[in-house]
């Protein structure tokens, strides 16, 4: 096992950054796409839901498969498919239906590029440094999302959404290249299972694992809907201050990119902090503050931009700050031979909740605003996310404080 940062970690983090370059280009373009594709709030949310549902199903299958054929093999095949489907989305998504189908396929191809890396990190880094290592991984995802928003915000006023889609779709191809370089000499590892144990005992009857999975479900509910709708919320805030629609959309994407930078900082710092303070302490603090932020942010749409950005930055930091800690804690709660299966269940349920959340957010937005006009009331939709944050807080509180050791 390794103790800290090395070139292997750097290359896989770069791969993850480029893989996620396409993850939020739809959200960043949403203010322009809704009139261009004739979408209601619920229809717009359904594309984000399709993406998250496709990702959830892919994570379920790929994580389960990684236990049997190795995380490395699944990662490389999934990376290749991600490069192909991302370019197809960029060139062919020109309506609600084509966007829904192709963006879902992009997500479906990406599942093997995430939990497989967590598994490889768990094999490579010792527990005392694993939180920091996984913090780098989650931070690299946030960097990809921030770059996606930044690129989209710069390109959208100049070439519209087709050029924005294309500019971010090259990311997974670069991610494949960096991933291959990192893993070209890495062995395929399959952990042997003990015939006396089984999945139900190792995961479903493991109280700590179950609490961490519940926490992840509601962490995902809050986080994924926030990323799907925050650019549109910020655009609405800028429009309320008098900005033109396309400039508001571009400005919303650029401000939202700064929120992903906050997520990047949170992932790295909170993962490392949990190595020193313990997983439960950090999880509890992050979940509680993020729930409070969710209940506050939506009501500030007409507030001065500085206040909106400040509360949004706190929300972004705390909503993502528990992600590497949840992943690290699960690697410590489950034996290596069953880690892929545990991640499969966690990811399917978590991203399944994350798939429903943007649709629910859009439905609440439609229900609390008059039809046919740009939404002006956002508080109730964000409150629906805050409810998930409260459950994540209770889940973190229920963890036993000193139960940190990974089983042998």
Protein backbone atom coordinates (compact mmCIF):
# COMPACT_ATOMS: atom_id res chain seq x y z
CA UNK A 1 0.00 0.00 0.00
CA UNK A 2 1.05 3.59 -0.68
CA UNK A 3 0.95 6.42 1.82
CA UNK A 4 0.16 9.48 -0.27
CA UNK A 5 0.06 11.39 -3.55
CA UNK A 6 1.88 9.87 -6.53
CA UNK A 7 1.84 10.06 -10.35
CA UNK A 8 -0.63 7.15 -10.59
CA UNK A 9 -3.13 9.07 -8.47
CA UNK A 10 -2.52 12.26 -10.45
CA UNK A 11 -3.21 10.56 -13.80
CA UNK A 12 -6.41 8.91 -12.59
CA UNK A 13 -7.58 12.22 -11.12
CA UNK A 14 -6.90 13.92 -14.47
CA UNK A 15 -8.86 11.15 -16.15
CA UNK A 16 -11.76 11.76 -13.79
CA UNK A 17 -11.63 15.52 -14.42
CA UNK A 18 -11.94 15.06 -18.17
CA UNK A 19 -14.59 12.35 -17.81
CA UNK A 20 -16.84 14.71 -15.87
CA UNK A 21 -16.36 17.61 -18.30
CA UNK A 22 -19.71 16.72 -19.91
CA UNK A 23 -21.64 16.11 -16.68
CA UNK A 24 -23.12 19.59 -16.21
CA UNK A 25 -23.04 21.11 -19.70
CA UNK A 26 -26.79 20.43 -19.96
CA UNK A 27 -27.50 22.15 -16.63
CA UNK A 28 -25.32 25.11 -17.65
CA UNK A 29 -27.26 25.48 -20.93
CA UNK A 30 -30.71 24.95 -19.40
CA UNK A 31 -31.93 28.55 -19.57
CA UNK A 32 -31.31 28.51 -23.35
CA UNK A 33 -32.44 24.91 -23.90
CA UNK A 34 -35.87 25.28 -22.28
CA UNK A 35 -37.26 27.67 -24.94
CA UNK A 36 -35.20 26.12 -27.77
CA UNK A 37 -36.54 22.62 -27.06
CA UNK A 38 -39.96 23.75 -25.78
CA UNK A 39 -39.57 22.22 -22.29
CA UNK A 40 -41.54 22.76 -19.09
CA UNK A 41 -39.76 22.64 -15.75
CA UNK A 42 -40.71 18.99 -15.30
CA UNK A 43 -39.54 18.11 -18.83
CA UNK A 44 -36.25 19.92 -18.26
CA UNK A 45 -35.80 18.05 -14.99
CA UNK A 46 -36.56 14.73 -16.71
CA UNK A 47 -33.39 14.97 -18.82
CA UNK A 48 -31.33 15.43 -15.68
CA UNK A 49 -33.31 12.54 -14.20
CA UNK A 50 -32.55 10.37 -17.23
CA UNK A 51 -28.86 11.13 -16.83
CA UNK A 52 -28.83 10.22 -13.14
CA UNK A 53 -30.95 7.09 -13.67
CA UNK A 54 -28.67 5.91 -16.46
CA UNK A 55 -25.66 6.55 -14.24
CA UNK A 56 -27.29 4.69 -11.34
CA UNK A 57 -28.00 1.59 -13.45
CA UNK A 58 -24.52 1.70 -14.90
CA UNK A 59 -22.93 1.99 -11.46
CA UNK A 60 -24.96 -0.97 -10.25
CA UNK A 61 -23.82 -3.24 -13.08
CA UNK A 62 -20.24 -2.04 -13.31
CA UNK A 63 -19.58 -2.16 -9.56
CA UNK A 64 -20.98 -5.70 -9.33
CA UNK A 65 -18.91 -6.76 -12.35
CA UNK A 66 -15.71 -5.20 -10.96
CA UNK A 67 -15.75 -7.66 -8.03
CA UNK A 68 -15.60 -10.48 -10.56
CA UNK A 69 -13.40 -9.34 -13.46
CA UNK A 70 -11.38 -6.52 -11.78
CA UNK A 71 -11.99 -2.81 -11.40
CA UNK A 72 -9.25 -2.01 -13.94
CA UNK A 73 -10.89 -3.89 -16.82
CA UNK A 74 -14.31 -2.37 -16.16
CA UNK A 75 -12.82 1.13 -15.92
CA UNK A 76 -11.06 0.95 -19.29
CA UNK A 77 -14.05 -0.46 -21.20
CA UNK A 78 -16.41 2.09 -19.65
CA UNK A 79 -14.01 4.93 -20.49
CA UNK A 80 -13.99 3.93 -24.15
CA UNK A 81 -17.79 3.85 -24.31
CA UNK A 82 -17.99 7.22 -22.56
CA UNK A 83 -15.79 8.83 -25.23
CA UNK A 84 -18.05 7.55 -28.04
CA UNK A 85 -21.42 8.43 -26.48
CA UNK A 86 -20.29 11.92 -25.44
CA UNK A 87 -19.38 12.84 -29.01
CA UNK A 88 -22.69 11.38 -30.23
CA UNK A 89 -24.54 13.62 -27.77
CA UNK A 90 -22.64 16.69 -28.95
CA UNK A 91 -23.39 16.12 -32.62
CA UNK A 92 -26.94 14.71 -32.47
CA UNK A 93 -28.82 16.17 -29.46
CA UNK A 94 -31.07 18.81 -31.01
CA UNK A 95 -34.48 18.29 -29.36
CA UNK A 96 -36.03 17.18 -26.09
CA UNK A 97 -36.32 13.52 -27.15
CA UNK A 98 -32.85 13.24 -28.72
CA UNK A 99 -31.36 15.07 -25.73
CA UNK A 100 -33.09 12.74 -23.26
CA UNK A 101 -31.97 9.56 -25.06
CA UNK A 102 -28.39 10.59 -25.80
CA UNK A 103 -27.67 12.21 -22.43
CA UNK A 104 -28.96 9.09 -20.71
CA UNK A 105 -26.62 6.99 -22.87
CA UNK A 106 -23.70 9.24 -21.90
CA UNK A 107 -24.48 8.55 -18.25
CA UNK A 108 -24.99 4.82 -18.85
CA UNK A 109 -21.50 4.57 -20.35
CA UNK A 110 -19.86 6.40 -17.42
CA UNK A 111 -20.70 4.14 -14.48
CA UNK A 112 -17.52 2.10 -14.72
CA UNK A 113 -15.32 5.19 -14.41
CA UNK A 114 -16.24 6.06 -10.81
CA UNK A 115 -16.70 3.26 -8.26
CA UNK A 116 -13.97 1.22 -9.95
CA UNK A 117 -11.50 4.00 -9.12
CA UNK A 118 -12.66 3.99 -5.48
CA UNK A 119 -11.95 0.24 -5.41
CA UNK A 120 -8.47 0.71 -6.90
CA UNK A 121 -7.74 3.50 -4.41
CA UNK A 122 -8.84 1.27 -1.51
CA UNK A 123 -6.36 -1.38 -2.67
CA UNK A 124 -3.52 1.09 -3.13
CA UNK A 125 -3.70 3.52 -0.16
CA UNK A 126 -3.53 2.67 3.53
CA UNK A 127 -6.52 3.66 5.71
CA UNK A 128 -4.70 6.50 7.49
CA UNK A 129 -4.22 8.28 4.13
CA UNK A 130 -7.27 7.00 2.26
CA UNK A 131 -9.55 9.91 3.11
CA UNK A 132 -7.07 12.36 1.58
CA UNK A 133 -6.61 10.18 -1.52
CA UNK A 134 -10.35 9.86 -2.09
CA UNK A 135 -10.63 13.58 -1.44
CA UNK A 136 -8.36 14.14 -4.43
CA UNK A 137 -10.60 11.88 -6.53
CA UNK A 138 -13.83 13.67 -5.62
CA UNK A 139 -12.07 17.03 -6.00
CA UNK A 140 -11.02 16.08 -9.53
CA UNK A 141 -14.70 15.46 -10.35
CA UNK A 142 -15.57 18.90 -9.03
CA UNK A 143 -12.80 20.42 -11.13
CA UNK A 144 -14.27 18.76 -14.23
CA UNK A 145 -17.72 20.14 -13.42
CA UNK A 146 -16.29 23.61 -12.77
CA UNK A 147 -14.44 23.54 -16.09
CA UNK A 148 -17.60 22.35 -17.81
CA UNK A 149 -19.54 25.32 -16.46
CA UNK A 150 -16.72 27.72 -17.26
CA UNK A 151 -16.37 26.45 -20.85
CA UNK A 152 -20.13 26.45 -21.39
CA UNK A 153 -20.47 29.95 -19.98
CA UNK A 154 -17.77 31.25 -22.32
CA UNK A 155 -18.94 29.39 -25.44
CA UNK A 156 -22.73 29.70 -25.09
CA UNK A 157 -23.01 33.40 -26.13
CA UNK A 158 -20.69 32.80 -29.10
CA UNK A 159 -21.80 29.49 -30.61
CA UNK A 160 -24.97 28.49 -28.76
CA UNK A 161 -25.58 25.17 -27.08
CA UNK A 162 -24.31 22.98 -30.01
CA UNK A 163 -20.80 24.41 -29.70
CA UNK A 164 -20.97 24.23 -25.89
CA UNK A 165 -21.89 20.53 -26.11
CA UNK A 166 -19.00 19.85 -28.49
CA UNK A 167 -16.45 21.79 -26.43
CA UNK A 168 -17.16 19.62 -23.37
CA UNK A 169 -17.67 16.32 -25.21
CA UNK A 170 -13.95 15.97 -25.99
CA UNK A 171 -13.32 15.58 -22.27
CA UNK A 172 -14.12 11.84 -21.99
CA UNK A 173 -11.79 11.08 -24.92
CA UNK A 174 -8.94 12.78 -23.03
CA UNK A 175 -10.06 10.99 -19.87
CA UNK A 176 -9.68 7.64 -21.65
CA UNK A 177 -6.13 8.54 -22.68
CA UNK A 178 -5.03 9.59 -19.18
CA UNK A 179 -6.70 6.54 -17.63
CA UNK A 180 -4.92 4.18 -20.00
CA UNK A 181 -1.55 5.77 -19.26
CA UNK A 182 -2.15 5.41 -15.50
CA UNK A 183 -3.26 1.78 -15.65
CA UNK A 184 -1.11 0.34 -18.42
CA UNK A 185 1.13 -1.42 -15.88
CA UNK A 186 -1.46 -1.82 -13.09
CA UNK A 187 -2.46 -5.46 -12.48
CA UNK A 188 -6.04 -6.71 -12.59
CA UNK A 189 -7.05 -7.49 -9.00
CA UNK A 190 -9.93 -9.76 -7.97
CA UNK A 191 -10.29 -10.36 -4.23
CA UNK A 192 -11.11 -13.88 -3.15
CA UNK A 193 -14.36 -14.36 -1.24
CA UNK A 194 -14.67 -16.42 1.92
CA UNK A 195 -17.11 -19.27 1.33
CA UNK A 196 -18.43 -18.85 4.89
CA UNK A 197 -19.62 -15.28 4.30
CA UNK A 198 -22.13 -13.77 1.89
CA UNK A 199 -23.37 -10.41 0.65
CA UNK A 200 -26.29 -10.08 3.06
CA UNK A 201 -24.07 -10.60 6.10
CA UNK A 202 -21.26 -8.37 4.82
CA UNK A 203 -23.43 -5.47 3.64
CA UNK A 204 -27.16 -5.64 4.35
CA UNK A 205 -26.72 -6.87 7.94
CA UNK A 206 -23.77 -4.58 8.58
CA UNK A 207 -25.22 -1.67 10.64
CA UNK A 208 -22.41 0.77 9.85
CA UNK A 209 -22.56 0.02 6.12
CA UNK A 210 -26.35 0.44 6.07
CA UNK A 211 -26.17 3.81 7.86
CA UNK A 212 -23.50 5.02 5.44
CA UNK A 213 -25.60 3.91 2.47
CA UNK A 214 -28.65 5.76 3.83
CA UNK A 215 -26.51 8.85 4.32
CA UNK A 216 -25.26 8.57 0.75
CA UNK A 217 -28.80 8.24 -0.64
CA UNK A 218 -29.90 11.55 0.83
CA UNK A 219 -26.53 13.20 0.19
CA UNK A 220 -27.12 12.35 -3.49
CA UNK A 221 -30.73 13.60 -3.39
CA UNK A 222 -29.54 16.99 -2.20
CA UNK A 223 -26.32 17.30 -4.20
CA UNK A 224 -27.37 16.09 -7.64
CA UNK A 225 -30.52 18.17 -7.81
CA UNK A 226 -28.53 21.18 -6.63
CA UNK A 227 -26.01 20.77 -9.45
CA UNK A 228 -28.80 20.22 -11.99
CA UNK A 229 -30.74 23.38 -11.08
CA UNK A 230 -28.28 25.85 -9.52
CA UNK A 231 -27.12 27.33 -12.87
CA UNK A 232 -30.77 28.04 -13.79
CA UNK A 233 -31.41 29.48 -10.31
CA UNK A 234 -28.41 31.79 -10.62
CA UNK A 235 -29.54 32.80 -14.11
CA UNK A 236 -32.96 33.65 -12.64
CA UNK A 237 -31.26 35.75 -9.97
CA UNK A 238 -29.26 37.62 -12.61
CA UNK A 239 -32.37 38.04 -14.79
CA UNK A 240 -34.23 39.49 -11.81
CA UNK A 241 -31.43 42.05 -11.60
CA UNK A 242 -32.02 43.00 -15.28
CA UNK A 243 -29.68 40.76 -17.32
CA UNK A 244 -30.71 39.52 -20.81
CA UNK A 245 -31.62 35.81 -21.04
CA UNK A 246 -28.46 34.52 -22.77
CA UNK A 247 -26.20 36.71 -20.68
CA UNK A 248 -28.03 35.57 -17.55
CA UNK A 249 -27.57 31.93 -18.61
CA UNK A 250 -23.87 32.47 -19.28
CA UNK A 251 -23.47 34.38 -16.01
CA UNK A 252 -25.30 31.65 -14.10
CA UNK A 253 -22.95 29.03 -15.55
CA UNK A 254 -19.87 31.05 -14.67
CA UNK A 255 -21.00 31.70 -11.08
CA UNK A 256 -21.99 28.04 -10.69
CA UNK A 257 -18.49 27.06 -11.81
CA UNK A 258 -17.15 28.86 -8.74
CA UNK A 259 -19.45 26.68 -6.62
CA UNK A 260 -17.79 23.60 -8.07
CA UNK A 261 -14.43 25.06 -7.09
CA UNK A 262 -15.82 25.26 -3.55
CA UNK A 263 -16.76 21.61 -3.90
CA UNK A 264 -13.23 20.84 -5.04
CA UNK A 265 -11.78 22.50 -1.94
CA UNK A 266 -14.32 20.73 0.27
CA UNK A 267 -13.53 17.30 -1.15
CA UNK A 268 -9.81 17.60 -0.61
CA UNK A 269 -9.90 19.29 2.78
CA UNK A 270 -12.76 17.28 4.32
CA UNK A 271 -11.32 13.96 3.16
CA UNK A 272 -8.01 14.82 4.79
CA UNK A 273 -9.71 16.25 7.89
CA UNK A 274 -11.66 13.01 8.37
CA UNK A 275 -8.34 11.13 8.54
CA UNK A 276 -7.59 13.14 11.69
CA UNK A 277 -10.97 13.91 13.32
CA UNK A 278 -12.84 10.74 12.35
CA UNK A 279 -15.46 10.10 9.68
CA UNK A 280 -18.55 10.67 11.87
CA UNK A 281 -17.53 14.15 13.07
CA UNK A 282 -16.98 15.47 9.55
CA UNK A 283 -20.10 13.79 8.11
CA UNK A 284 -22.30 15.27 10.84
CA UNK A 285 -20.98 18.80 10.40
CA UNK A 286 -21.21 18.79 6.61
CA UNK A 287 -24.74 17.34 6.48
CA UNK A 288 -26.16 19.75 9.07
CA UNK A 289 -24.78 22.92 7.47
CA UNK A 290 -25.73 21.82 3.96
CA UNK A 291 -29.35 21.17 5.04
CA UNK A 292 -29.54 24.66 6.58
CA UNK A 293 -28.12 26.16 3.38
CA UNK A 294 -30.68 24.37 1.21
CA UNK A 295 -33.57 25.70 3.30
CA UNK A 296 -32.18 29.25 2.89
CA UNK A 297 -30.86 29.59 -0.66
CA UNK A 298 -34.05 29.43 -2.72
CA UNK A 299 -35.67 32.36 -0.92
CA UNK A 300 -32.77 34.64 -1.85
CA UNK A 301 -33.37 34.73 -5.64
CA UNK A 302 -34.00 38.51 -5.60
CA UNK A 303 -31.38 39.25 -2.93
CA UNK A 304 -28.12 41.06 -3.82
CA UNK A 305 -25.83 38.81 -5.85
CA UNK A 306 -23.14 38.86 -3.14
CA UNK A 307 -25.55 37.26 -0.65
CA UNK A 308 -26.73 34.66 -3.17
CA UNK A 309 -23.13 33.72 -4.01
CA UNK A 310 -22.09 33.54 -0.36
CA UNK A 311 -24.93 31.21 0.69
CA UNK A 312 -24.58 29.18 -2.52
CA UNK A 313 -20.84 28.74 -1.90
CA UNK A 314 -21.50 27.45 1.63
CA UNK A 315 -24.13 25.08 0.24
CA UNK A 316 -21.73 23.83 -2.45
CA UNK A 317 -18.90 23.31 0.04
CA UNK A 318 -20.94 21.38 2.58
CA UNK A 319 -23.11 19.40 0.14
CA UNK A 320 -19.99 17.90 -1.46
CA UNK A 321 -17.68 17.91 1.54
CA UNK A 322 -19.10 14.65 2.89
CA UNK A 323 -18.74 12.75 -0.40
CA UNK A 324 -15.15 11.49 -0.02
CA UNK A 325 -15.79 10.80 3.66
CA UNK A 326 -18.82 8.62 2.89
CA UNK A 327 -16.79 6.67 0.32
CA UNK A 328 -13.78 6.26 2.61
CA UNK A 329 -15.95 5.13 5.53
CA UNK A 330 -17.60 2.47 3.36
CA UNK A 331 -14.21 1.04 2.31
CA UNK A 332 -13.47 0.68 6.04
CA UNK A 333 -16.84 -0.90 6.88
CA UNK A 334 -16.88 -3.64 4.20
CA UNK A 335 -14.31 -6.33 3.35
CA UNK A 336 -12.49 -5.81 0.01
CA UNK A 337 -14.10 -8.84 -1.68
CA UNK A 338 -17.55 -7.31 -1.16
CA UNK A 339 -16.68 -3.65 -1.70
CA UNK A 340 -17.82 -3.64 -5.34
CA UNK A 341 -21.18 -5.12 -4.35
CA UNK A 342 -21.57 -2.60 -1.52
CA UNK A 343 -20.72 0.26 -3.88
CA UNK A 344 -23.18 -1.16 -6.41
CA UNK A 345 -26.06 -1.05 -3.93
CA UNK A 346 -25.02 2.34 -2.59
CA UNK A 347 -24.57 3.87 -6.02
CA UNK A 348 -27.81 2.49 -7.44
CA UNK A 349 -29.87 3.76 -4.52
CA UNK A 350 -27.95 7.03 -4.22
CA UNK A 351 -27.97 7.97 -7.87
CA UNK A 352 -31.51 6.62 -8.15
CA UNK A 353 -32.51 9.18 -5.53
CA UNK A 354 -30.39 11.72 -7.39
CA UNK A 355 -32.29 10.84 -10.57
CA UNK A 356 -35.66 11.54 -8.96
CA UNK A 357 -34.55 14.71 -7.19
CA UNK A 358 -34.13 17.02 -10.25
CA UNK A 359 -37.55 15.90 -11.51
CA UNK A 360 -39.09 16.53 -8.09
CA UNK A 361 -37.37 19.92 -7.93
CA UNK A 362 -38.79 20.84 -11.35
CA UNK A 363 -42.27 19.62 -10.37
CA UNK A 364 -42.23 21.72 -7.18
CA UNK A 365 -40.99 24.68 -9.23
CA UNK A 366 -43.91 24.26 -11.65
CA UNK A 367 -46.42 23.88 -8.80
CA UNK A 368 -45.28 27.02 -6.98
CA UNK A 369 -45.05 29.34 -10.01
CA UNK A 370 -47.60 30.46 -12.63
CA UNK A 371 -47.43 28.47 -15.91
CA UNK A 372 -45.80 29.96 -18.99
CA UNK A 373 -43.51 32.44 -17.23
CA UNK A 374 -39.99 32.24 -15.86
CA UNK A 375 -40.02 30.94 -12.25
CA UNK A 376 -39.79 33.62 -9.56
CA UNK A 377 -40.35 31.43 -6.47
CA UNK A 378 -37.52 28.96 -5.80
CA UNK A 379 -37.64 28.51 -2.02
CA UNK A 380 -40.01 25.54 -1.86
CA UNK A 381 -38.04 23.59 -4.47
CA UNK A 382 -34.79 24.05 -2.54
CA UNK A 383 -36.60 23.13 0.69
CA UNK A 384 -37.32 19.72 -0.85
CA UNK A 385 -33.55 19.25 -1.06
CA UNK A 386 -33.07 20.42 2.51
CA UNK A 387 -35.37 17.64 3.72
CA UNK A 388 -32.91 15.13 2.29
CA UNK A 389 -30.08 16.93 4.03
CA UNK A 390 -31.86 16.53 7.37
CA UNK A 391 -32.10 12.76 6.89
CA UNK A 392 -28.38 12.63 5.98
CA UNK A 393 -27.67 14.53 9.21
CA UNK A 394 -29.61 11.97 11.27
CA UNK A 395 -27.79 9.13 9.51
CA UNK A 396 -24.40 10.65 10.38
CA UNK A 397 -25.48 11.21 13.98
CA UNK A 398 -26.47 7.52 14.31
CA UNK A 399 -22.95 6.29 13.46
CA UNK A 400 -21.00 4.97 16.44
CA UNK A 401 -18.22 7.50 17.17
CA UNK A 402 -15.29 5.11 17.59
CA UNK A 403 -16.18 2.46 15.01
CA UNK A 404 -13.66 3.41 12.30
CA UNK A 405 -11.51 0.32 11.70
CA UNK A 406 -11.77 -1.57 8.44
CA UNK A 407 -12.47 -5.32 8.79
CA UNK A 408 -9.66 -7.68 7.84
